[in-house]
Amino acid sequence: MIRKRLLFFGRVQGVGFRFYAVNKARQLGLTGWVENLEDGSVEMEVQGEEEKIDLLIQYLDSQRYISIEAVRARKLPLEKESGFYEKGY
């Protein structure tokens, strides 16, 4: 079990990124959140099995209108939480 903060760059806003992220993360049993940032990137904190986090990223990158050009990742301490949700607006 791990927790990561991910920053996604590319065509990641206005293309359903958060919608797909929430639905797939819930399906995979991951916890955390996703949020659009003012600079056009998307931030995510996600917790679960590393293989499932990798599957989430692959799924997002395979969506028709999403184009992930770069991902920055940093490991974080685990948190007690349940569910995966969209933060912000």
PDB file of N, CA and C in Angstrom:
ATOM      1  N   MET A   1       0.849  -1.179   0.000  1.00  0.00           N
ATOM      2  CA  MET A   1       0.000   0.000   0.000  1.00  0.00           C
ATOM      3  C   MET A   1       0.892   1.237   0.000  1.00  0.00           C
ATOM      4  N   ILE A   2       0.615   2.163  -0.923  1.00  0.00           N
ATOM      5  CA  ILE A   2       1.390   3.399  -1.010  1.00  0.00           C
ATOM      6  C   ILE A   2       0.447   4.582  -1.230  1.00  0.00           C
ATOM      7  N   ARG A   3       0.977   5.777  -1.030  1.00  0.00           N
ATOM      8  CA  ARG A   3       0.249   7.004  -1.339  1.00  0.00           C
ATOM      9  C   ARG A   3       1.173   7.880  -2.160  1.00  0.00           C
ATOM     10  N   LYS A   4       0.620   8.474  -3.222  1.00  0.00           N
ATOM     11  CA  LYS A   4       1.403   9.335  -4.102  1.00  0.00           C
ATOM     12  C   LYS A   4       0.667  10.639  -4.366  1.00  0.00           C
ATOM     13  N   ARG A   5       1.458  11.690  -4.492  1.00  0.00           N
ATOM     14  CA  ARG A   5       0.942  12.951  -5.041  1.00  0.00           C
ATOM     15  C   ARG A   5       1.429  12.993  -6.479  1.00  0.00           C
ATOM     16  N   LEU A   6       0.477  13.144  -7.398  1.00  0.00           N
ATOM     17  CA  LEU A   6       0.784  13.161  -8.820  1.00  0.00           C
ATOM     18  C   LEU A   6       0.369  14.503  -9.410  1.00  0.00           C
ATOM     19  N   LEU A   7       1.217  15.066 -10.243  1.00  0.00           N
ATOM     20  CA  LEU A   7       0.884  16.257 -11.015  1.00  0.00           C
ATOM     21  C   LEU A   7       0.898  15.861 -12.481  1.00  0.00           C
ATOM     22  N   PHE A   8      -0.211  16.094 -13.166  1.00  0.00           N
ATOM     23  CA  PHE A   8      -0.351  15.741 -14.574  1.00  0.00           C
ATOM     24  C   PHE A   8      -0.298  17.004 -15.424  1.00  0.00           C
ATOM     25  N   PHE A   9       0.495  16.953 -16.490  1.00  0.00           N
ATOM     26  CA  PHE A   9       0.632  18.076 -17.414  1.00  0.00           C
ATOM     27  C   PHE A   9       0.253  17.614 -18.813  1.00  0.00           C
ATOM     28  N   GLY A  10      -0.248  18.536 -19.612  1.00  0.00           N
ATOM     29  CA  GLY A  10      -0.666  18.234 -20.977  1.00  0.00           C
ATOM     30  C   GLY A  10      -2.079  18.721 -21.175  1.00  0.00           C
ATOM     31  N   ARG A  11      -2.837  18.024 -22.030  1.00  0.00           N
ATOM     32  CA  ARG A  11      -4.254  18.352 -22.220  1.00  0.00           C
ATOM     33  C   ARG A  11      -5.032  17.534 -21.189  1.00  0.00           C
ATOM     34  N   VAL A  12      -5.156  18.123 -19.980  1.00  0.00           N
ATOM     35  CA  VAL A  12      -5.744  17.394 -18.858  1.00  0.00           C
ATOM     36  C   VAL A  12      -6.901  18.142 -18.197  1.00  0.00           C
ATOM     37  N   GLN A  13      -7.234  19.329 -18.684  1.00  0.00           N
ATOM     38  CA  GLN A  13      -8.403  20.045 -18.174  1.00  0.00           C
ATOM     39  C   GLN A  13      -9.400  20.246 -19.305  1.00  0.00           C
ATOM     40  N   GLY A  14     -10.675  20.164 -18.955  1.00  0.00           N
ATOM     41  CA  GLY A  14     -11.727  20.341 -19.950  1.00  0.00           C
ATOM     42  C   GLY A  14     -11.919  19.130 -20.846  1.00  0.00           C
ATOM     43  N   VAL A  15     -11.395  17.988 -20.434  1.00  0.00           N
ATOM     44  CA  VAL A  15     -11.471  16.774 -21.258  1.00  0.00           C
ATOM     45  C   VAL A  15     -12.019  15.575 -20.480  1.00  0.00           C
ATOM     46  N   GLY A  16     -12.603  15.809 -19.311  1.00  0.00           N
ATOM     47  CA  GLY A  16     -13.174  14.727 -18.508  1.00  0.00           C
ATOM     48  C   GLY A  16     -12.182  14.026 -17.598  1.00  0.00           C
ATOM     49  N   PHE A  17     -10.999  14.590 -17.436  1.00  0.00           N
ATOM     50  CA  PHE A  17      -9.947  13.936 -16.645  1.00  0.00           C
ATOM     51  C   PHE A  17     -10.437  13.597 -15.236  1.00  0.00           C
ATOM     52  N   ARG A  18     -10.997  14.581 -14.531  1.00  0.00           N
ATOM     53  CA  ARG A  18     -11.424  14.342 -13.146  1.00  0.00           C
ATOM     54  C   ARG A  18     -12.555  13.322 -13.087  1.00  0.00           C
ATOM     55  N   PHE A  19     -13.490  13.418 -14.018  1.00  0.00           N
ATOM     56  CA  PHE A  19     -14.611  12.480 -14.077  1.00  0.00           C
ATOM     57  C   PHE A  19     -14.099  11.048 -14.236  1.00  0.00           C
ATOM     58  N   TYR A  20     -13.225  10.845 -15.223  1.00  0.00           N
ATOM     59  CA  TYR A  20     -12.663   9.513 -15.446  1.00  0.00           C
ATOM     60  C   TYR A  20     -11.836   9.055 -14.249  1.00  0.00           C
ATOM     61  N   ALA A  21     -11.063   9.974 -13.660  1.00  0.00           N
ATOM     62  CA  ALA A  21     -10.207   9.616 -12.529  1.00  0.00           C
ATOM     63  C   ALA A  21     -11.039   9.133 -11.344  1.00  0.00           C
ATOM     64  N   VAL A  22     -12.080   9.864 -11.011  1.00  0.00           N
ATOM     65  CA  VAL A  22     -12.926   9.490  -9.868  1.00  0.00           C
ATOM     66  C   VAL A  22     -13.570   8.126 -10.108  1.00  0.00           C
ATOM     67  N   ASN A  23     -14.159   7.945 -11.271  1.00  0.00           N
ATOM     68  CA  ASN A  23     -14.858   6.688 -11.541  1.00  0.00           C
ATOM     69  C   ASN A  23     -13.924   5.486 -11.560  1.00  0.00           C
ATOM     70  N   LYS A  24     -12.777   5.624 -12.221  1.00  0.00           N
ATOM     71  CA  LYS A  24     -11.843   4.492 -12.307  1.00  0.00           C
ATOM     72  C   LYS A  24     -11.181   4.217 -10.959  1.00  0.00           C
ATOM     73  N   ALA A  25     -10.816   5.269 -10.224  1.00  0.00           N
ATOM     74  CA  ALA A  25     -10.198   5.073  -8.907  1.00  0.00           C
ATOM     75  C   ALA A  25     -11.158   4.333  -7.982  1.00  0.00           C
ATOM     76  N   ARG A  26     -12.413   4.708  -8.004  1.00  0.00           N
ATOM     77  CA  ARG A  26     -13.411   4.012  -7.170  1.00  0.00           C
ATOM     78  C   ARG A  26     -13.537   2.556  -7.597  1.00  0.00           C
ATOM     79  N   GLN A  27     -13.564   2.317  -8.905  1.00  0.00           N
ATOM     80  CA  GLN A  27     -13.665   0.951  -9.421  1.00  0.00           C
ATOM     81  C   GLN A  27     -12.475   0.105  -8.972  1.00  0.00           C
ATOM     82  N   LEU A  28     -11.293   0.709  -8.910  1.00  0.00           N
ATOM     83  CA  LEU A  28     -10.080  -0.003  -8.511  1.00  0.00           C
ATOM     84  C   LEU A  28      -9.903  -0.083  -7.000  1.00  0.00           C
ATOM     85  N   GLY A  29     -10.781   0.574  -6.236  1.00  0.00           N
ATOM     86  CA  GLY A  29     -10.694   0.540  -4.784  1.00  0.00           C
ATOM     87  C   GLY A  29      -9.626   1.462  -4.220  1.00  0.00           C
ATOM     88  N   LEU A  30      -9.260   2.497  -4.961  1.00  0.00           N
ATOM     89  CA  LEU A  30      -8.266   3.467  -4.511  1.00  0.00           C
ATOM     90  C   LEU A  30      -8.942   4.571  -3.716  1.00  0.00           C
ATOM     91  N   THR A  31      -8.183   5.246  -2.880  1.00  0.00           N
ATOM     92  CA  THR A  31      -8.699   6.388  -2.144  1.00  0.00           C
ATOM     93  C   THR A  31      -7.876   7.615  -2.493  1.00  0.00           C
ATOM     94  N   GLY A  32      -8.450   8.798  -2.204  1.00  0.00           N
ATOM     95  CA  GLY A  32      -7.741  10.046  -2.446  1.00  0.00           C
ATOM     96  C   GLY A  32      -8.624  11.084  -3.087  1.00  0.00           C
ATOM     97  N   TRP A  33      -7.994  11.970  -3.876  1.00  0.00           N
ATOM     98  CA  TRP A  33      -8.724  13.063  -4.496  1.00  0.00           C
ATOM     99  C   TRP A  33      -8.003  13.539  -5.753  1.00  0.00           C
ATOM    100  N   VAL A  34      -8.724  14.322  -6.555  1.00  0.00           N
ATOM    101  CA  VAL A  34      -8.183  14.911  -7.778  1.00  0.00           C
ATOM    102  C   VAL A  34      -8.707  16.334  -7.884  1.00  0.00           C
ATOM    103  N   GLU A  35      -7.867  17.253  -8.411  1.00  0.00           N
ATOM    104  CA  GLU A  35      -8.254  18.665  -8.458  1.00  0.00           C
ATOM    105  C   GLU A  35      -7.550  19.364  -9.622  1.00  0.00           C
ATOM    106  N   ASN A  36      -8.289  20.231 -10.331  1.00  0.00           N
ATOM    107  CA  ASN A  36      -7.687  21.095 -11.342  1.00  0.00           C
ATOM    108  C   ASN A  36      -6.907  22.201 -10.655  1.00  0.00           C
ATOM    109  N   LEU A  37      -5.757  22.560 -11.218  1.00  0.00           N
ATOM    110  CA  LEU A  37      -4.969  23.675 -10.718  1.00  0.00           C
ATOM    111  C   LEU A  37      -5.054  24.845 -11.693  1.00  0.00           C
ATOM    112  N   GLU A  38      -4.818  26.041 -11.185  1.00  0.00           N
ATOM    113  CA  GLU A  38      -4.962  27.248 -11.995  1.00  0.00           C
ATOM    114  C   GLU A  38      -4.011  27.291 -13.184  1.00  0.00           C
ATOM    115  N   ASP A  39      -2.876  26.597 -13.102  1.00  0.00           N
ATOM    116  CA  ASP A  39      -1.902  26.636 -14.196  1.00  0.00           C
ATOM    117  C   ASP A  39      -2.239  25.679 -15.347  1.00  0.00           C
ATOM    118  N   GLY A  40      -3.387  24.990 -15.264  1.00  0.00           N
ATOM    119  CA  GLY A  40      -3.802  24.073 -16.326  1.00  0.00           C
ATOM    120  C   GLY A  40      -3.426  22.624 -16.077  1.00  0.00           C
ATOM    121  N   SER A  41      -2.708  22.363 -14.997  1.00  0.00           N
ATOM    122  CA  SER A  41      -2.356  20.983 -14.657  1.00  0.00           C
ATOM    123  C   SER A  41      -3.421  20.408 -13.728  1.00  0.00           C
ATOM    124  N   VAL A  42      -3.287  19.133 -13.426  1.00  0.00           N
ATOM    125  CA  VAL A  42      -4.194  18.449 -12.504  1.00  0.00           C
ATOM    126  C   VAL A  42      -3.356  17.786 -11.424  1.00  0.00           C
ATOM    127  N   GLU A  43      -3.783  17.961 -10.172  1.00  0.00           N
ATOM    128  CA  GLU A  43      -3.108  17.348  -9.037  1.00  0.00           C
ATOM    129  C   GLU A  43      -3.975  16.220  -8.504  1.00  0.00           C
ATOM    130  N   MET A  44      -3.309  15.155  -8.079  1.00  0.00           N
ATOM    131  CA  MET A  44      -4.017  14.009  -7.517  1.00  0.00           C
ATOM    132  C   MET A  44      -3.207  13.447  -6.357  1.00  0.00           C
ATOM    133  N   GLU A  45      -3.895  13.099  -5.287  1.00  0.00           N
ATOM    134  CA  GLU A  45      -3.312  12.254  -4.254  1.00  0.00           C
ATOM    135  C   GLU A  45      -4.095  10.960  -4.303  1.00  0.00           C
ATOM    136  N   VAL A  46      -3.366   9.870  -4.414  1.00  0.00           N
ATOM    137  CA  VAL A  46      -4.014   8.574  -4.574  1.00  0.00           C
ATOM    138  C   VAL A  46      -3.297   7.550  -3.704  1.00  0.00           C
ATOM    139  N   GLN A  47      -4.099   6.674  -3.096  1.00  0.00           N
ATOM    140  CA  GLN A  47      -3.570   5.686  -2.163  1.00  0.00           C
ATOM    141  C   GLN A  47      -4.138   4.323  -2.496  1.00  0.00           C
ATOM    142  N   GLY A  48      -3.263   3.318  -2.469  1.00  0.00           N
ATOM    143  CA  GLY A  48      -3.685   1.943  -2.730  1.00  0.00           C
ATOM    144  C   GLY A  48      -2.502   1.118  -3.180  1.00  0.00           C
ATOM    145  N   GLU A  49      -2.789   0.004  -3.817  1.00  0.00           N
ATOM    146  CA  GLU A  49      -1.729  -0.850  -4.327  1.00  0.00           C
ATOM    147  C   GLU A  49      -1.077  -0.162  -5.528  1.00  0.00           C
ATOM    148  N   GLU A  50       0.250  -0.220  -5.576  1.00  0.00           N
ATOM    149  CA  GLU A  50       0.980   0.481  -6.644  1.00  0.00           C
ATOM    150  C   GLU A  50       0.534   0.034  -8.035  1.00  0.00           C
ATOM    151  N   GLU A  51       0.259  -1.250  -8.202  1.00  0.00           N
ATOM    152  CA  GLU A  51      -0.185  -1.760  -9.503  1.00  0.00           C
ATOM    153  C   GLU A  51      -1.505  -1.128  -9.922  1.00  0.00           C
ATOM    154  N   LYS A  52      -2.400  -0.908  -8.967  1.00  0.00           N
ATOM    155  CA  LYS A  52      -3.696  -0.301  -9.281  1.00  0.00           C
ATOM    156  C   LYS A  52      -3.539   1.188  -9.596  1.00  0.00           C
ATOM    157  N   ILE A  53      -2.624   1.853  -8.927  1.00  0.00           N
ATOM    158  CA  ILE A  53      -2.345   3.262  -9.242  1.00  0.00           C
ATOM    159  C   ILE A  53      -1.800   3.358 -10.665  1.00  0.00           C
ATOM    160  N   ASP A  54      -0.910   2.437 -11.028  1.00  0.00           N
ATOM    161  CA  ASP A  54      -0.373   2.408 -12.390  1.00  0.00           C
ATOM    162  C   ASP A  54      -1.479   2.158 -13.409  1.00  0.00           C
ATOM    163  N   LEU A  55      -2.416   1.258 -13.080  1.00  0.00           N
ATOM    164  CA  LEU A  55      -3.555   0.998 -13.967  1.00  0.00           C
ATOM    165  C   LEU A  55      -4.407   2.250 -14.143  1.00  0.00           C
ATOM    166  N   LEU A  56      -4.607   3.016 -13.075  1.00  0.00           N
ATOM    167  CA  LEU A  56      -5.372   4.252 -13.157  1.00  0.00           C
ATOM    168  C   LEU A  56      -4.709   5.228 -14.123  1.00  0.00           C
ATOM    169  N   ILE A  57      -3.402   5.399 -13.996  1.00  0.00           N
ATOM    170  CA  ILE A  57      -2.674   6.328 -14.869  1.00  0.00           C
ATOM    171  C   ILE A  57      -2.754   5.863 -16.325  1.00  0.00           C
ATOM    172  N   GLN A  58      -2.577   4.575 -16.566  1.00  0.00           N
ATOM    173  CA  GLN A  58      -2.671   4.038 -17.926  1.00  0.00           C
ATOM    174  C   GLN A  58      -4.067   4.254 -18.500  1.00  0.00           C
ATOM    175  N   TYR A  59      -5.076   4.033 -17.676  1.00  0.00           N
ATOM    176  CA  TYR A  59      -6.460   4.228 -18.116  1.00  0.00           C
ATOM    177  C   TYR A  59      -6.696   5.687 -18.515  1.00  0.00           C
ATOM    178  N   LEU A  60      -6.258   6.610 -17.671  1.00  0.00           N
ATOM    179  CA  LEU A  60      -6.452   8.026 -17.973  1.00  0.00           C
ATOM    180  C   LEU A  60      -5.748   8.407 -19.269  1.00  0.00           C
ATOM    181  N   ASP A  61      -4.532   7.920 -19.456  1.00  0.00           N
ATOM    182  CA  ASP A  61      -3.760   8.246 -20.652  1.00  0.00           C
ATOM    183  C   ASP A  61      -4.359   7.645 -21.916  1.00  0.00           C
ATOM    184  N   SER A  62      -5.187   6.612 -21.774  1.00  0.00           N
ATOM    185  CA  SER A  62      -5.785   5.959 -22.939  1.00  0.00           C
ATOM    186  C   SER A  62      -7.103   6.604 -23.371  1.00  0.00           C
ATOM    187  N   GLN A  63      -7.608   7.559 -22.599  1.00  0.00           N
ATOM    188  CA  GLN A  63      -8.878   8.189 -22.946  1.00  0.00           C
ATOM    189  C   GLN A  63      -8.704   9.112 -24.151  1.00  0.00           C
ATOM    190  N   ARG A  64      -9.710   9.170 -24.960  1.00  0.00           N
ATOM    191  CA  ARG A  64      -9.648   9.816 -26.274  1.00  0.00           C
ATOM    192  C   ARG A  64      -9.145  11.258 -26.254  1.00  0.00           C
ATOM    193  N   TYR A  65      -9.646  12.097 -25.379  1.00  0.00           N
ATOM    194  CA  TYR A  65      -9.314  13.522 -25.418  1.00  0.00           C
ATOM    195  C   TYR A  65      -8.226  13.922 -24.430  1.00  0.00           C
ATOM    196  N   ILE A  66      -7.839  13.019 -23.564  1.00  0.00           N
ATOM    197  CA  ILE A  66      -6.794  13.311 -22.576  1.00  0.00           C
ATOM    198  C   ILE A  66      -5.435  13.035 -23.216  1.00  0.00           C
ATOM    199  N   SER A  67      -4.519  13.966 -23.030  1.00  0.00           N
ATOM    200  CA  SER A  67      -3.157  13.774 -23.526  1.00  0.00           C
ATOM    201  C   SER A  67      -2.178  14.159 -22.411  1.00  0.00           C
ATOM    202  N   ILE A  68      -1.686  13.155 -21.699  1.00  0.00           N
ATOM    203  CA  ILE A  68      -0.743  13.384 -20.605  1.00  0.00           C
ATOM    204  C   ILE A  68       0.655  13.496 -21.200  1.00  0.00           C
ATOM    205  N   GLU A  69       1.251  14.667 -21.054  1.00  0.00           N
ATOM    206  CA  GLU A  69       2.596  14.884 -21.582  1.00  0.00           C
ATOM    207  C   GLU A  69       3.668  14.596 -20.542  1.00  0.00           C
ATOM    208  N   ALA A  70       3.345  14.788 -19.266  1.00  0.00           N
ATOM    209  CA  ALA A  70       4.307  14.532 -18.193  1.00  0.00           C
ATOM    210  C   ALA A  70       3.557  14.305 -16.890  1.00  0.00           C
ATOM    211  N   VAL A  71       4.172  13.513 -16.034  1.00  0.00           N
ATOM    212  CA  VAL A  71       3.641  13.257 -14.693  1.00  0.00           C
ATOM    213  C   VAL A  71       4.787  13.412 -13.708  1.00  0.00           C
ATOM    214  N   ARG A  72       4.563  14.213 -12.684  1.00  0.00           N
ATOM    215  CA  ARG A  72       5.517  14.301 -11.571  1.00  0.00           C
ATOM    216  C   ARG A  72       4.912  13.557 -10.399  1.00  0.00           C
ATOM    217  N   ALA A  73       5.688  12.691  -9.778  1.00  0.00           N
ATOM    218  CA  ALA A  73       5.171  11.869  -8.680  1.00  0.00           C
ATOM    219  C   ALA A  73       6.071  11.995  -7.463  1.00  0.00           C
ATOM    220  N   ARG A  74       5.422  11.971  -6.302  1.00  0.00           N
ATOM    221  CA  ARG A  74       6.140  12.000  -5.036  1.00  0.00           C
ATOM    222  C   ARG A  74       5.400  11.100  -4.051  1.00  0.00           C
ATOM    223  N   LYS A  75       6.147  10.240  -3.366  1.00  0.00           N
ATOM    224  CA  LYS A  75       5.518   9.381  -2.359  1.00  0.00           C
ATOM    225  C   LYS A  75       5.208  10.193  -1.116  1.00  0.00           C
ATOM    226  N   LEU A  76       4.092   9.852  -0.482  1.00  0.00           N
ATOM    227  CA  LEU A  76       3.622  10.506   0.736  1.00  0.00           C
ATOM    228  C   LEU A  76       3.342   9.456   1.801  1.00  0.00           C
ATOM    229  N   PRO A  77       3.249   9.886   3.072  1.00  0.00           N
ATOM    230  CA  PRO A  77       2.830   8.951   4.122  1.00  0.00           C
ATOM    231  C   PRO A  77       1.378   8.520   3.901  1.00  0.00           C
ATOM    232  N   LEU A  78       1.069   7.306   4.286  1.00  0.00           N
ATOM    233  CA  LEU A  78      -0.299   6.805   4.177  1.00  0.00           C
ATOM    234  C   LEU A  78      -1.229   7.616   5.072  1.00  0.00           C
ATOM    235  N   GLU A  79      -2.485   7.719   4.660  1.00  0.00           N
ATOM    236  CA  GLU A  79      -3.508   8.415   5.445  1.00  0.00           C
ATOM    237  C   GLU A  79      -4.690   7.483   5.647  1.00  0.00           C
ATOM    238  N   LYS A  80      -5.411   7.711   6.732  1.00  0.00           N
ATOM    239  CA  LYS A  80      -6.659   6.984   6.949  1.00  0.00           C
ATOM    240  C   LYS A  80      -7.750   7.758   6.220  1.00  0.00           C
ATOM    241  N   GLU A  81      -8.347   7.119   5.242  1.00  0.00           N
ATOM    242  CA  GLU A  81      -9.410   7.773   4.480  1.00  0.00           C
ATOM    243  C   GLU A  81     -10.242   6.712   3.796  1.00  0.00           C
ATOM    244  N   SER A  82     -11.374   7.140   3.298  1.00  0.00           N
ATOM    245  CA  SER A  82     -12.210   6.243   2.507  1.00  0.00           C
ATOM    246  C   SER A  82     -12.735   7.026   1.319  1.00  0.00           C
ATOM    247  N   GLY A  83     -12.783   6.373   0.212  1.00  0.00           N
ATOM    248  CA  GLY A  83     -13.339   6.976  -0.985  1.00  0.00           C
ATOM    249  C   GLY A  83     -12.344   7.781  -1.806  1.00  0.00           C
ATOM    250  N   PHE A  84     -12.782   8.150  -2.982  1.00  0.00           N
ATOM    251  CA  PHE A  84     -11.995   8.981  -3.895  1.00  0.00           C
ATOM    252  C   PHE A  84     -12.952  10.041  -4.406  1.00  0.00           C
ATOM    253  N   TYR A  85     -12.527  11.294  -4.383  1.00  0.00           N
ATOM    254  CA  TYR A  85     -13.439  12.383  -4.723  1.00  0.00           C
ATOM    255  C   TYR A  85     -12.731  13.493  -5.476  1.00  0.00           C
ATOM    256  N   GLU A  86     -13.545  14.392  -6.010  1.00  0.00           N
ATOM    257  CA  GLU A  86     -13.069  15.546  -6.749  1.00  0.00           C
ATOM    258  C   GLU A  86     -13.049  16.755  -5.822  1.00  0.00           C
ATOM    259  N   LYS A  87     -11.904  17.425  -5.746  1.00  0.00           N
ATOM    260  CA  LYS A  87     -11.773  18.639  -4.937  1.00  0.00           C
ATOM    261  C   LYS A  87     -11.970  19.863  -5.823  1.00  0.00           C
ATOM    262  N   GLY A  88     -12.271  20.973  -5.179  1.00  0.00           N
ATOM    263  CA  GLY A  88     -12.344  22.245  -5.901  1.00  0.00           C
ATOM    264  C   GLY A  88     -13.655  22.422  -6.617  1.00  0.00           C
ATOM    265  N   TYR A  89     -13.598  23.136  -7.695  1.00  0.00           N
ATOM    266  CA  TYR A  89     -14.810  23.485  -8.451  1.00  0.00           C
ATOM    267  C   TYR A  89     -15.233  22.405  -9.390  1.00  0.00           C
TER     268      TYR A  89
END
